Amino acid sequence: MEMPPKILRRQLGAMPDARFTREGRERIAGHACTVWRFKSQDGEGRICMTADGAMLRNLGTILGQTMGVEAIQVARMAQGPARFQRPTDYEPLHPRQPRQG
């Protein structure tokens, strides 16, 4: 799905006004991670990040939508550029634009 950068940044949690508070450590899918609570004008929640930047959990409410993801297995390996190419039969699917108002 092609997504406008503004929407994609918000879905990935890149909120420029977000404040983060460290809450502790956990183990998810066998990996240690640091729990961070985040809060911004668009929402709040918690993420758990490994020391090298892998997000293992993201739970919260952003723009009024509750969402959550959590790793159940982690495999670290090199990934070739072919994995990031669009399939030859790719057809764009455009998300609905959020309502203004």
PDB file of N, CA and C in Angstrom:
ATOM      1  N   MET A   1       0.849  -1.164   0.000  1.00  0.00           N
ATOM      2  CA  MET A   1       0.000   0.000   0.000  1.00  0.00           C
ATOM      3  C   MET A   1       0.900   1.234   0.000  1.00  0.00           C
ATOM      4  N   GLU A   2       0.641   2.147  -0.887  1.00  0.00           N
ATOM      5  CA  GLU A   2       1.364   3.410  -0.877  1.00  0.00           C
ATOM      6  C   GLU A   2       0.691   4.327   0.140  1.00  0.00           C
ATOM      7  N   MET A   3       1.514   4.986   0.928  1.00  0.00           N
ATOM      8  CA  MET A   3       0.960   5.863   1.950  1.00  0.00           C
ATOM      9  C   MET A   3       1.672   7.206   1.899  1.00  0.00           C
ATOM     10  N   PRO A   4       0.919   8.300   2.015  1.00  0.00           N
ATOM     11  CA  PRO A   4       1.556   9.611   2.077  1.00  0.00           C
ATOM     12  C   PRO A   4       2.489   9.668   3.287  1.00  0.00           C
ATOM     13  N   PRO A   5       3.645  10.323   3.157  1.00  0.00           N
ATOM     14  CA  PRO A   5       4.614  10.361   4.264  1.00  0.00           C
ATOM     15  C   PRO A   5       4.030  10.839   5.584  1.00  0.00           C
ATOM     16  N   LYS A   6       3.116  11.813   5.564  1.00  0.00           N
ATOM     17  CA  LYS A   6       2.545  12.333   6.811  1.00  0.00           C
ATOM     18  C   LYS A   6       1.798  11.231   7.574  1.00  0.00           C
ATOM     19  N   ILE A   7       1.011  10.428   6.854  1.00  0.00           N
ATOM     20  CA  ILE A   7       0.261   9.347   7.496  1.00  0.00           C
ATOM     21  C   ILE A   7       1.214   8.247   7.955  1.00  0.00           C
ATOM     22  N   LEU A   8       2.173   7.899   7.110  1.00  0.00           N
ATOM     23  CA  LEU A   8       3.118   6.843   7.454  1.00  0.00           C
ATOM     24  C   LEU A   8       3.918   7.213   8.705  1.00  0.00           C
ATOM     25  N   ARG A   9       4.385   8.445   8.796  1.00  0.00           N
ATOM     26  CA  ARG A   9       5.136   8.870   9.981  1.00  0.00           C
ATOM     27  C   ARG A   9       4.295   8.713  11.235  1.00  0.00           C
ATOM     28  N   ARG A  10       3.026   9.078  11.183  1.00  0.00           N
ATOM     29  CA  ARG A  10       2.161   8.948  12.367  1.00  0.00           C
ATOM     30  C   ARG A  10       1.909   7.490  12.708  1.00  0.00           C
ATOM     31  N   GLN A  11       1.706   6.635  11.695  1.00  0.00           N
ATOM     32  CA  GLN A  11       1.462   5.225  11.982  1.00  0.00           C
ATOM     33  C   GLN A  11       2.693   4.566  12.574  1.00  0.00           C
ATOM     34  N   LEU A  12       3.867   5.018  12.195  1.00  0.00           N
ATOM     35  CA  LEU A  12       5.093   4.444  12.735  1.00  0.00           C
ATOM     36  C   LEU A  12       5.495   5.085  14.054  1.00  0.00           C
ATOM     37  N   GLY A  13       4.717   6.044  14.516  1.00  0.00           N
ATOM     38  CA  GLY A  13       4.973   6.631  15.817  1.00  0.00           C
ATOM     39  C   GLY A  13       5.961   7.780  15.803  1.00  0.00           C
ATOM     40  N   ALA A  14       6.288   8.316  14.627  1.00  0.00           N
ATOM     41  CA  ALA A  14       7.223   9.434  14.561  1.00  0.00           C
ATOM     42  C   ALA A  14       6.477  10.728  14.828  1.00  0.00           C
ATOM     43  N   MET A  15       6.160  10.961  16.080  1.00  0.00           N
ATOM     44  CA  MET A  15       5.410  12.150  16.474  1.00  0.00           C
ATOM     45  C   MET A  15       6.409  13.187  16.973  1.00  0.00           C
ATOM     46  N   PRO A  16       6.521  14.310  16.282  1.00  0.00           N
ATOM     47  CA  PRO A  16       7.565  15.273  16.632  1.00  0.00           C
ATOM     48  C   PRO A  16       7.450  15.842  18.040  1.00  0.00           C
ATOM     49  N   ASP A  17       6.253  15.869  18.613  1.00  0.00           N
ATOM     50  CA  ASP A  17       6.095  16.437  19.955  1.00  0.00           C
ATOM     51  C   ASP A  17       6.083  15.375  21.051  1.00  0.00           C
ATOM     52  N   ALA A  18       6.374  14.117  20.700  1.00  0.00           N
ATOM     53  CA  ALA A  18       6.295  13.030  21.681  1.00  0.00           C
ATOM     54  C   ALA A  18       7.347  13.186  22.772  1.00  0.00           C
ATOM     55  N   ARG A  19       6.930  12.870  23.984  1.00  0.00           N
ATOM     56  CA  ARG A  19       7.834  12.832  25.131  1.00  0.00           C
ATOM     57  C   ARG A  19       7.936  11.380  25.573  1.00  0.00           C
ATOM     58  N   PHE A  20       9.150  10.923  25.857  1.00  0.00           N
ATOM     59  CA  PHE A  20       9.392   9.538  26.229  1.00  0.00           C
ATOM     60  C   PHE A  20       9.911   9.452  27.655  1.00  0.00           C
ATOM     61  N   THR A  21       9.387   8.457  28.393  1.00  0.00           N
ATOM     62  CA  THR A  21       9.822   8.213  29.756  1.00  0.00           C
ATOM     63  C   THR A  21      10.220   6.744  29.866  1.00  0.00           C
ATOM     64  N   ARG A  22      11.415   6.499  30.330  1.00  0.00           N
ATOM     65  CA  ARG A  22      11.892   5.123  30.498  1.00  0.00           C
ATOM     66  C   ARG A  22      11.185   4.486  31.689  1.00  0.00           C
ATOM     67  N   GLU A  23      10.639   3.273  31.483  1.00  0.00           N
ATOM     68  CA  GLU A  23       9.886   2.607  32.554  1.00  0.00           C
ATOM     69  C   GLU A  23      10.542   1.343  33.073  1.00  0.00           C
ATOM     70  N   GLY A  24      11.487   0.776  32.371  1.00  0.00           N
ATOM     71  CA  GLY A  24      12.101  -0.456  32.852  1.00  0.00           C
ATOM     72  C   GLY A  24      12.549  -1.352  31.716  1.00  0.00           C
ATOM     73  N   ARG A  25      12.760  -2.639  32.054  1.00  0.00           N
ATOM     74  CA  ARG A  25      13.228  -3.602  31.055  1.00  0.00           C
ATOM     75  C   ARG A  25      12.316  -4.819  31.056  1.00  0.00           C
ATOM     76  N   GLU A  26      12.222  -5.461  29.897  1.00  0.00           N
ATOM     77  CA  GLU A  26      11.444  -6.699  29.751  1.00  0.00           C
ATOM     78  C   GLU A  26      12.174  -7.627  28.801  1.00  0.00           C
ATOM     79  N   ARG A  27      11.662  -8.843  28.691  1.00  0.00           N
ATOM     80  CA  ARG A  27      12.130  -9.792  27.675  1.00  0.00           C
ATOM     81  C   ARG A  27      10.922 -10.149  26.824  1.00  0.00           C
ATOM     82  N   ILE A  28      11.075  -9.975  25.528  1.00  0.00           N
ATOM     83  CA  ILE A  28      10.013 -10.301  24.573  1.00  0.00           C
ATOM     84  C   ILE A  28      10.631 -11.160  23.488  1.00  0.00           C
ATOM     85  N   ALA A  29      10.010 -12.272  23.200  1.00  0.00           N
ATOM     86  CA  ALA A  29      10.498 -13.209  22.175  1.00  0.00           C
ATOM     87  C   ALA A  29      11.965 -13.572  22.435  1.00  0.00           C
ATOM     88  N   GLY A  30      12.345 -13.671  23.722  1.00  0.00           N
ATOM     89  CA  GLY A  30      13.693 -14.079  24.087  1.00  0.00           C
ATOM     90  C   GLY A  30      14.740 -12.989  24.038  1.00  0.00           C
ATOM     91  N   HIS A  31      14.331 -11.729  23.809  1.00  0.00           N
ATOM     92  CA  HIS A  31      15.283 -10.624  23.690  1.00  0.00           C
ATOM     93  C   HIS A  31      14.992  -9.552  24.726  1.00  0.00           C
ATOM     94  N   ALA A  32      16.053  -9.019  25.333  1.00  0.00           N
ATOM     95  CA  ALA A  32      15.913  -7.938  26.296  1.00  0.00           C
ATOM     96  C   ALA A  32      15.556  -6.648  25.568  1.00  0.00           C
ATOM     97  N   CYS A  33      14.669  -5.868  26.180  1.00  0.00           N
ATOM     98  CA  CYS A  33      14.308  -4.572  25.598  1.00  0.00           C
ATOM     99  C   CYS A  33      13.970  -3.595  26.711  1.00  0.00           C
ATOM    100  N   THR A  34      14.061  -2.323  26.375  1.00  0.00           N
ATOM    101  CA  THR A  34      13.737  -1.248  27.308  1.00  0.00           C
ATOM    102  C   THR A  34      12.334  -0.744  27.012  1.00  0.00           C
ATOM    103  N   VAL A  35      11.515  -0.635  28.050  1.00  0.00           N
ATOM    104  CA  VAL A  35      10.141  -0.144  27.905  1.00  0.00           C
ATOM    105  C   VAL A  35      10.161   1.381  28.016  1.00  0.00           C
ATOM    106  N   TRP A  36       9.555   2.023  27.012  1.00  0.00           N
ATOM    107  CA  TRP A  36       9.426   3.477  26.985  1.00  0.00           C
ATOM    108  C   TRP A  36       7.956   3.839  26.883  1.00  0.00           C
ATOM    109  N   ARG A  37       7.505   4.734  27.755  1.00  0.00           N
ATOM    110  CA  ARG A  37       6.155   5.280  27.662  1.00  0.00           C
ATOM    111  C   ARG A  37       6.256   6.544  26.818  1.00  0.00           C
ATOM    112  N   PHE A  38       5.347   6.696  25.852  1.00  0.00           N
ATOM    113  CA  PHE A  38       5.347   7.911  25.047  1.00  0.00           C
ATOM    114  C   PHE A  38       4.005   8.609  25.163  1.00  0.00           C
ATOM    115  N   LYS A  39       4.048   9.935  25.006  1.00  0.00           N
ATOM    116  CA  LYS A  39       2.833  10.736  25.069  1.00  0.00           C
ATOM    117  C   LYS A  39       3.032  11.937  24.162  1.00  0.00           C
ATOM    118  N   SER A  40       1.998  12.236  23.368  1.00  0.00           N
ATOM    119  CA  SER A  40       2.017  13.405  22.494  1.00  0.00           C
ATOM    120  C   SER A  40       0.596  13.916  22.358  1.00  0.00           C
ATOM    121  N   GLN A  41       0.427  14.976  21.615  1.00  0.00           N
ATOM    122  CA  GLN A  41      -0.925  15.493  21.397  1.00  0.00           C
ATOM    123  C   GLN A  41      -1.763  14.511  20.581  1.00  0.00           C
ATOM    124  N   ASP A  42      -1.112  13.597  19.835  1.00  0.00           N
ATOM    125  CA  ASP A  42      -1.840  12.642  18.998  1.00  0.00           C
ATOM    126  C   ASP A  42      -2.160  11.331  19.697  1.00  0.00           C
ATOM    127  N   GLY A  43      -1.524  11.056  20.850  1.00  0.00           N
ATOM    128  CA  GLY A  43      -1.805   9.799  21.520  1.00  0.00           C
ATOM    129  C   GLY A  43      -0.764   9.449  22.552  1.00  0.00           C
ATOM    130  N   GLU A  44      -0.863   8.210  23.032  1.00  0.00           N
ATOM    131  CA  GLU A  44       0.071   7.734  24.047  1.00  0.00           C
ATOM    132  C   GLU A  44       0.130   6.223  24.016  1.00  0.00           C
ATOM    133  N   GLY A  45       1.181   5.678  24.621  1.00  0.00           N
ATOM    134  CA  GLY A  45       1.330   4.237  24.679  1.00  0.00           C
ATOM    135  C   GLY A  45       2.691   3.852  25.202  1.00  0.00           C
ATOM    136  N   ARG A  46       3.076   2.609  24.912  1.00  0.00           N
ATOM    137  CA  ARG A  46       4.367   2.082  25.352  1.00  0.00           C
ATOM    138  C   ARG A  46       4.994   1.298  24.207  1.00  0.00           C
ATOM    139  N   ILE A  47       6.315   1.422  24.111  1.00  0.00           N
ATOM    140  CA  ILE A  47       7.075   0.617  23.162  1.00  0.00           C
ATOM    141  C   ILE A  47       8.183  -0.082  23.931  1.00  0.00           C
ATOM    142  N   CYS A  48       8.685  -1.180  23.386  1.00  0.00           N
ATOM    143  CA  CYS A  48       9.815  -1.879  23.980  1.00  0.00           C
ATOM    144  C   CYS A  48      10.850  -2.061  22.874  1.00  0.00           C
ATOM    145  N   MET A  49      12.030  -1.454  23.077  1.00  0.00           N
ATOM    146  CA  MET A  49      13.077  -1.430  22.058  1.00  0.00           C
ATOM    147  C   MET A  49      14.326  -2.146  22.563  1.00  0.00           C
ATOM    148  N   THR A  50      14.969  -2.926  21.664  1.00  0.00           N
ATOM    149  CA  THR A  50      16.248  -3.528  22.005  1.00  0.00           C
ATOM    150  C   THR A  50      17.321  -2.451  21.955  1.00  0.00           C
ATOM    151  N   ALA A  51      18.492  -2.754  22.498  1.00  0.00           N
ATOM    152  CA  ALA A  51      19.594  -1.792  22.518  1.00  0.00           C
ATOM    153  C   ALA A  51      20.027  -1.399  21.109  1.00  0.00           C
ATOM    154  N   ASP A  52      19.834  -2.293  20.136  1.00  0.00           N
ATOM    155  CA  ASP A  52      20.239  -1.962  18.763  1.00  0.00           C
ATOM    156  C   ASP A  52      19.079  -1.440  17.916  1.00  0.00           C
ATOM    157  N   GLY A  53      17.949  -1.111  18.541  1.00  0.00           N
ATOM    158  CA  GLY A  53      16.877  -0.414  17.844  1.00  0.00           C
ATOM    159  C   GLY A  53      15.751  -1.243  17.260  1.00  0.00           C
ATOM    160  N   ALA A  54      15.668  -2.524  17.590  1.00  0.00           N
ATOM    161  CA  ALA A  54      14.547  -3.340  17.104  1.00  0.00           C
ATOM    162  C   ALA A  54      13.346  -3.130  18.036  1.00  0.00           C
ATOM    163  N   MET A  55      12.206  -2.772  17.455  1.00  0.00           N
ATOM    164  CA  MET A  55      10.998  -2.586  18.249  1.00  0.00           C
ATOM    165  C   MET A  55      10.322  -3.949  18.405  1.00  0.00           C
ATOM    166  N   LEU A  56      10.171  -4.393  19.649  1.00  0.00           N
ATOM    167  CA  LEU A  56       9.557  -5.691  19.917  1.00  0.00           C
ATOM    168  C   LEU A  56       8.099  -5.584  20.322  1.00  0.00           C
ATOM    169  N   ARG A  57       7.696  -4.414  20.794  1.00  0.00           N
ATOM    170  CA  ARG A  57       6.292  -4.202  21.162  1.00  0.00           C
ATOM    171  C   ARG A  57       5.961  -2.725  20.967  1.00  0.00           C
ATOM    172  N   ASN A  58       4.720  -2.477  20.523  1.00  0.00           N
ATOM    173  CA  ASN A  58       4.209  -1.110  20.410  1.00  0.00           C
ATOM    174  C   ASN A  58       2.719  -1.189  20.699  1.00  0.00           C
ATOM    175  N   LEU A  59       2.304  -0.642  21.828  1.00  0.00           N
ATOM    176  CA  LEU A  59       0.902  -0.654  22.238  1.00  0.00           C
ATOM    177  C   LEU A  59       0.476   0.766  22.574  1.00  0.00           C
ATOM    178  N   GLY A  60      -0.656   1.199  22.052  1.00  0.00           N
ATOM    179  CA  GLY A  60      -1.101   2.532  22.397  1.00  0.00           C
ATOM    180  C   GLY A  60      -2.322   2.971  21.619  1.00  0.00           C
ATOM    181  N   THR A  61      -2.650   4.227  21.800  1.00  0.00           N
ATOM    182  CA  THR A  61      -3.759   4.847  21.091  1.00  0.00           C
ATOM    183  C   THR A  61      -3.202   6.066  20.374  1.00  0.00           C
ATOM    184  N   ILE A  62      -3.308   6.073  19.056  1.00  0.00           N
ATOM    185  CA  ILE A  62      -2.797   7.158  18.226  1.00  0.00           C
ATOM    186  C   ILE A  62      -3.957   7.679  17.379  1.00  0.00           C
ATOM    187  N   LEU A  63      -4.166   8.982  17.412  1.00  0.00           N
ATOM    188  CA  LEU A  63      -5.236   9.611  16.643  1.00  0.00           C
ATOM    189  C   LEU A  63      -6.578   8.920  16.873  1.00  0.00           C
ATOM    190  N   GLY A  64      -6.816   8.503  18.120  1.00  0.00           N
ATOM    191  CA  GLY A  64      -8.078   7.883  18.484  1.00  0.00           C
ATOM    192  C   GLY A  64      -8.206   6.412  18.137  1.00  0.00           C
ATOM    193  N   GLN A  65      -7.160   5.824  17.566  1.00  0.00           N
ATOM    194  CA  GLN A  65      -7.208   4.407  17.202  1.00  0.00           C
ATOM    195  C   GLN A  65      -6.282   3.609  18.113  1.00  0.00           C
ATOM    196  N   THR A  66      -6.830   2.598  18.764  1.00  0.00           N
ATOM    197  CA  THR A  66      -6.025   1.723  19.607  1.00  0.00           C
ATOM    198  C   THR A  66      -5.369   0.686  18.722  1.00  0.00           C
ATOM    199  N   MET A  67      -4.074   0.476  18.934  1.00  0.00           N
ATOM    200  CA  MET A  67      -3.347  -0.492  18.129  1.00  0.00           C
ATOM    201  C   MET A  67      -2.307  -1.176  18.991  1.00  0.00           C
ATOM    202  N   GLY A  68      -1.826  -2.286  18.490  1.00  0.00           N
ATOM    203  CA  GLY A  68      -0.780  -2.979  19.206  1.00  0.00           C
ATOM    204  C   GLY A  68      -0.133  -4.051  18.356  1.00  0.00           C
ATOM    205  N   VAL A  69       1.173  -4.165  18.488  1.00  0.00           N
ATOM    206  CA  VAL A  69       1.935  -5.233  17.842  1.00  0.00           C
ATOM    207  C   VAL A  69       2.975  -5.723  18.841  1.00  0.00           C
ATOM    208  N   GLU A  70       3.271  -7.018  18.786  1.00  0.00           N
ATOM    209  CA  GLU A  70       4.302  -7.589  19.646  1.00  0.00           C
ATOM    210  C   GLU A  70       4.978  -8.728  18.910  1.00  0.00           C
ATOM    211  N   ALA A  71       6.300  -8.734  18.962  1.00  0.00           N
ATOM    212  CA  ALA A  71       7.072  -9.802  18.322  1.00  0.00           C
ATOM    213  C   ALA A  71       6.836 -11.118  19.054  1.00  0.00           C
ATOM    214  N   ILE A  72       6.690 -12.190  18.298  1.00  0.00           N
ATOM    215  CA  ILE A  72       6.607 -13.518  18.899  1.00  0.00           C
ATOM    216  C   ILE A  72       7.845 -14.341  18.548  1.00  0.00           C
ATOM    217  N   GLN A  73       8.602 -13.862  17.551  1.00  0.00           N
ATOM    218  CA  GLN A  73       9.844 -14.523  17.152  1.00  0.00           C
ATOM    219  C   GLN A  73      10.720 -13.483  16.463  1.00  0.00           C
ATOM    220  N   VAL A  74      12.015 -13.548  16.708  1.00  0.00           N
ATOM    221  CA  VAL A  74      12.953 -12.624  16.081  1.00  0.00           C
ATOM    222  C   VAL A  74      14.057 -13.434  15.428  1.00  0.00           C
ATOM    223  N   ALA A  75      14.280 -13.175  14.148  1.00  0.00           N
ATOM    224  CA  ALA A  75      15.386 -13.802  13.415  1.00  0.00           C
ATOM    225  C   ALA A  75      16.222 -12.687  12.808  1.00  0.00           C
ATOM    226  N   ARG A  76      17.501 -12.700  13.111  1.00  0.00           N
ATOM    227  CA  ARG A  76      18.392 -11.665  12.581  1.00  0.00           C
ATOM    228  C   ARG A  76      19.258 -12.277  11.492  1.00  0.00           C
ATOM    229  N   MET A  77      19.142 -11.688  10.308  1.00  0.00           N
ATOM    230  CA  MET A  77      19.933 -12.185   9.177  1.00  0.00           C
ATOM    231  C   MET A  77      19.991 -11.103   8.110  1.00  0.00           C
ATOM    232  N   ALA A  78      20.946 -11.223   7.229  1.00  0.00           N
ATOM    233  CA  ALA A  78      21.060 -10.268   6.124  1.00  0.00           C
ATOM    234  C   ALA A  78      19.847 -10.412   5.211  1.00  0.00           C
ATOM    235  N   GLN A  79      19.380  -9.298   4.681  1.00  0.00           N
ATOM    236  CA  GLN A  79      18.247  -9.309   3.756  1.00  0.00           C
ATOM    237  C   GLN A  79      18.680  -8.647   2.462  1.00  0.00           C
ATOM    238  N   GLY A  80      18.505  -9.360   1.377  1.00  0.00           N
ATOM    239  CA  GLY A  80      18.877  -8.838   0.074  1.00  0.00           C
ATOM    240  C   GLY A  80      17.906  -7.778  -0.408  1.00  0.00           C
ATOM    241  N   PRO A  81      18.385  -6.880  -1.291  1.00  0.00           N
ATOM    242  CA  PRO A  81      17.525  -5.804  -1.796  1.00  0.00           C
ATOM    243  C   PRO A  81      16.301  -6.305  -2.545  1.00  0.00           C
ATOM    244  N   ALA A  82      16.323  -7.509  -3.081  1.00  0.00           N
ATOM    245  CA  ALA A  82      15.170  -8.045  -3.818  1.00  0.00           C
ATOM    246  C   ALA A  82      13.938  -8.149  -2.917  1.00  0.00           C
ATOM    247  N   ARG A  83      14.137  -8.304  -1.612  1.00  0.00           N
ATOM    248  CA  ARG A  83      13.001  -8.398  -0.684  1.00  0.00           C
ATOM    249  C   ARG A  83      12.226  -7.099  -0.584  1.00  0.00           C
ATOM    250  N   PHE A  84      12.826  -6.002  -1.030  1.00  0.00           N
ATOM    251  CA  PHE A  84      12.210  -4.690  -0.890  1.00  0.00           C
ATOM    252  C   PHE A  84      11.724  -4.128  -2.221  1.00  0.00           C
ATOM    253  N   GLN A  85      11.642  -4.957  -3.224  1.00  0.00           N
ATOM    254  CA  GLN A  85      11.149  -4.544  -4.538  1.00  0.00           C
ATOM    255  C   GLN A  85       9.666  -4.873  -4.648  1.00  0.00           C
ATOM    256  N   ARG A  86       8.930  -4.032  -5.354  1.00  0.00           N
ATOM    257  CA  ARG A  86       7.510  -4.307  -5.586  1.00  0.00           C
ATOM    258  C   ARG A  86       7.370  -5.514  -6.510  1.00  0.00           C
ATOM    259  N   PRO A  87       6.368  -6.349  -6.288  1.00  0.00           N
ATOM    260  CA  PRO A  87       6.109  -7.463  -7.203  1.00  0.00           C
ATOM    261  C   PRO A  87       5.737  -6.935  -8.595  1.00  0.00           C
ATOM    262  N   THR A  88       5.965  -7.721  -9.624  1.00  0.00           N
ATOM    263  CA  THR A  88       5.675  -7.267 -10.991  1.00  0.00           C
ATOM    264  C   THR A  88       4.188  -7.005 -11.201  1.00  0.00           C
ATOM    265  N   ASP A  89       3.315  -7.666 -10.456  1.00  0.00           N
ATOM    266  CA  ASP A  89       1.875  -7.463 -10.609  1.00  0.00           C
ATOM    267  C   ASP A  89       1.312  -6.474  -9.586  1.00  0.00           C
ATOM    268  N   TYR A  90       2.171  -5.642  -9.009  1.00  0.00           N
ATOM    269  CA  TYR A  90       1.764  -4.675  -7.988  1.00  0.00           C
ATOM    270  C   TYR A  90       0.756  -3.684  -8.552  1.00  0.00           C
ATOM    271  N   GLU A  91      -0.322  -3.467  -7.801  1.00  0.00           N
ATOM    272  CA  GLU A  91      -1.299  -2.431  -8.114  1.00  0.00           C
ATOM    273  C   GLU A  91      -1.462  -1.577  -6.871  1.00  0.00           C
ATOM    274  N   PRO A  92      -1.330  -0.251  -7.014  1.00  0.00           N
ATOM    275  CA  PRO A  92      -1.419   0.620  -5.828  1.00  0.00           C
ATOM    276  C   PRO A  92      -2.783   0.552  -5.154  1.00  0.00           C
ATOM    277  N   LEU A  93      -2.766   0.602  -3.838  1.00  0.00           N
ATOM    278  CA  LEU A  93      -3.961   0.684  -3.014  1.00  0.00           C
ATOM    279  C   LEU A  93      -3.759   1.910  -2.142  1.00  0.00           C
ATOM    280  N   HIS A  94      -4.621   2.891  -2.259  1.00  0.00           N
ATOM    281  CA  HIS A  94      -4.446   4.150  -1.548  1.00  0.00           C
ATOM    282  C   HIS A  94      -5.327   4.185  -0.307  1.00  0.00           C
ATOM    283  N   PRO A  95      -4.745   4.544   0.843  1.00  0.00           N
ATOM    284  CA  PRO A  95      -5.553   4.621   2.069  1.00  0.00           C
ATOM    285  C   PRO A  95      -6.506   5.800   2.013  1.00  0.00           C
ATOM    286  N   ARG A  96      -7.571   5.682   2.778  1.00  0.00           N
ATOM    287  CA  ARG A  96      -8.482   6.828   2.899  1.00  0.00           C
ATOM    288  C   ARG A  96      -7.759   7.921   3.659  1.00  0.00           C
ATOM    289  N   GLN A  97      -7.986   9.133   3.228  1.00  0.00           N
ATOM    290  CA  GLN A  97      -7.392  10.281   3.904  1.00  0.00           C
ATOM    291  C   GLN A  97      -8.172  10.535   5.201  1.00  0.00           C
ATOM    292  N   PRO A  98      -7.460  10.892   6.285  1.00  0.00           N
ATOM    293  CA  PRO A  98      -8.185  11.196   7.527  1.00  0.00           C
ATOM    294  C   PRO A  98      -9.071  12.423   7.336  1.00  0.00           C
ATOM    295  N   ARG A  99     -10.171  12.389   8.034  1.00  0.00           N
ATOM    296  CA  ARG A  99     -11.103  13.531   7.952  1.00  0.00           C
ATOM    297  C   ARG A  99     -10.491  14.750   8.625  1.00  0.00           C
ATOM    298  N   GLN A 100     -10.681  15.880   8.019  1.00  0.00           N
ATOM    299  CA  GLN A 100     -10.222  17.149   8.594  1.00  0.00           C
ATOM    300  C   GLN A 100     -11.406  17.759   9.340  1.00  0.00           C
ATOM    301  N   GLY A 101     -11.134  18.323  10.471  1.00  0.00           N
ATOM    302  CA  GLY A 101     -12.257  18.977  11.107  1.00  0.00           C
ATOM    303  C   GLY A 101     -12.217  18.904  12.538  1.00  0.00           C
TER     304      GLY A 101
END
